[in-house]
C-alpha atoms as a PDB file:
ATOM      1  CA  UNK A   1      77.754  -5.155  14.278  1.00  0.00           C
ATOM      2  CA  UNK A   2      75.957  -3.191  17.274  1.00  0.00           C
ATOM      3  CA  UNK A   3      78.917  -2.317  19.990  1.00  0.00           C
ATOM      4  CA  UNK A   4      77.225  -2.406  23.540  1.00  0.00           C
ATOM      5  CA  UNK A   5      77.932  -0.195  26.259  1.00  0.00           C
ATOM      6  CA  UNK A   6      77.597  -1.336  30.164  1.00  0.00           C
ATOM      7  CA  UNK A   7      76.984   1.005  32.504  1.00  0.00           C
ATOM      8  CA  UNK A   8      77.380  -0.388  36.265  1.00  0.00           C
ATOM      9  CA  UNK A   9      74.806   0.966  38.602  1.00  0.00           C
ATOM     10  CA  UNK A  10      75.340   0.831  42.471  1.00  0.00           C
ATOM     11  CA  UNK A  11      72.780   1.443  45.319  1.00  0.00           C
ATOM     12  CA  UNK A  12      74.491   2.816  48.351  1.00  0.00           C
ATOM     13  CA  UNK A  13      73.459   3.539  51.981  1.00  0.00           C
ATOM     14  CA  UNK A  14      76.519   4.812  54.193  1.00  0.00           C
ATOM     15  CA  UNK A  15      79.248   3.098  52.841  1.00  0.00           C
ATOM     16  CA  UNK A  16      82.003   5.362  53.363  1.00  0.00           C
ATOM     17  CA  UNK A  17      84.365   2.491  54.532  1.00  0.00           C
ATOM     18  CA  UNK A  18      84.480   0.466  51.115  1.00  0.00           C
ATOM     19  CA  UNK A  19      83.101   3.342  48.432  1.00  0.00           C
ATOM     20  CA  UNK A  20      86.400   4.415  47.035  1.00  0.00           C
ATOM     21  CA  UNK A  21      87.898   0.632  46.559  1.00  0.00           C
ATOM     22  CA  UNK A  22      84.366  -0.884  44.900  1.00  0.00           C
ATOM     23  CA  UNK A  23      84.412   2.338  42.693  1.00  0.00           C
ATOM     24  CA  UNK A  24      88.126   1.953  41.571  1.00  0.00           C
ATOM     25  CA  UNK A  25      88.154  -1.922  41.313  1.00  0.00           C
ATOM     26  CA  UNK A  26      84.973  -1.637  39.212  1.00  0.00           C
ATOM     27  CA  UNK A  27      87.067   0.729  36.995  1.00  0.00           C
ATOM     28  CA  UNK A  28      90.089  -1.613  36.697  1.00  0.00           C
ATOM     29  CA  UNK A  29      88.093  -4.244  35.601  1.00  0.00           C
ATOM     30  CA  UNK A  30      87.176  -2.303  32.375  1.00  0.00           C
ATOM     31  CA  UNK A  31      83.930  -0.553  33.382  1.00  0.00           C
ATOM     32  CA  UNK A  32      84.607   2.852  32.825  1.00  0.00           C
ATOM     33  CA  UNK A  33      81.052   4.263  33.418  1.00  0.00           C
ATOM     34  CA  UNK A  34      79.333   3.903  36.891  1.00  0.00           C
ATOM     35  CA  UNK A  35      76.192   5.451  38.356  1.00  0.00           C
ATOM     36  CA  UNK A  36      75.949   5.213  41.783  1.00  0.00           C
ATOM     37  CA  UNK A  37      72.672   5.999  43.600  1.00  0.00           C
ATOM     38  CA  UNK A  38      73.219   7.120  47.225  1.00  0.00           C
ATOM     39  CA  UNK A  39      69.863   6.597  49.266  1.00  0.00           C
ATOM     40  CA  UNK A  40      70.751   9.903  51.368  1.00  0.00           C
ATOM     41  CA  UNK A  41      73.674   8.412  53.133  1.00  0.00           C
ATOM     42  CA  UNK A  42      74.552  10.659  56.595  1.00  0.00           C
ATOM     43  CA  UNK A  43      78.195   9.838  56.189  1.00  0.00           C
ATOM     44  CA  UNK A  44      80.669  10.725  53.414  1.00  0.00           C
ATOM     45  CA  UNK A  45      79.656   8.135  51.066  1.00  0.00           C
ATOM     46  CA  UNK A  46      78.497  10.986  48.513  1.00  0.00           C
ATOM     47  CA  UNK A  47      81.689  13.078  48.766  1.00  0.00           C
ATOM     48  CA  UNK A  48      84.102  10.230  48.518  1.00  0.00           C
ATOM     49  CA  UNK A  49      82.455   9.069  45.337  1.00  0.00           C
ATOM     50  CA  UNK A  50      82.370  12.740  43.643  1.00  0.00           C
ATOM     51  CA  UNK A  51      86.228  12.488  43.875  1.00  0.00           C
ATOM     52  CA  UNK A  52      86.471   9.294  41.661  1.00  0.00           C
ATOM     53  CA  UNK A  53      86.628  10.415  38.139  1.00  0.00           C
ATOM     54  CA  UNK A  54      83.805   8.789  35.844  1.00  0.00           C
ATOM     55  CA  UNK A  55      81.395   8.190  38.527  1.00  0.00           C
ATOM     56  CA  UNK A  56      77.923   9.876  38.069  1.00  0.00           C
ATOM     57  CA  UNK A  57      76.479  10.325  41.659  1.00  0.00           C
ATOM     58  CA  UNK A  58      72.494  10.435  41.765  1.00  0.00           C
ATOM     59  CA  UNK A  59      70.912  10.997  45.469  1.00  0.00           C
ATOM     60  CA  UNK A  60      67.467   9.497  46.525  1.00  0.00           C
ATOM     61  CA  UNK A  61      67.067  11.268  50.128  1.00  0.00           C
ATOM     62  CA  UNK A  62      63.709   9.176  50.536  1.00  0.00           C
ATOM     63  CA  UNK A  63      64.194   6.298  53.091  1.00  0.00           C
ATOM     64  CA  UNK A  64      67.577   5.268  53.872  1.00  0.00           C
ATOM     65  CA  UNK A  65      67.810   1.715  55.175  1.00  0.00           C
ATOM     66  CA  UNK A  66      65.052  -1.085  54.747  1.00  0.00           C
ATOM     67  CA  UNK A  67      63.499  -1.944  58.062  1.00  0.00           C
ATOM     68  CA  UNK A  68      64.816  -5.216  59.716  1.00  0.00           C
ATOM     69  CA  UNK A  69      62.326  -8.016  59.414  1.00  0.00           C
END
C-alpha cells in the first residue's frame, strides 16, 4: 500500500493579522507540511511565517493583489 503525503499550499498577500493563527490551525489539524507563497506582501506576513516551524515560505513579488473589477 502506498502512503500519500499531503502538503498544504497557501497563497497570501498582506495577511500579517491572521497568518500566525492560520498556520498553527493547519498544523493542529494534522498537516505538518505547509508551503506559503507570498505575492510580495508589504507587511510582516513573510517574517511571521518564517517563525513557524515546518512552514516553507516562497516569495513571488510579481504582482500583488488582483485589480478590483
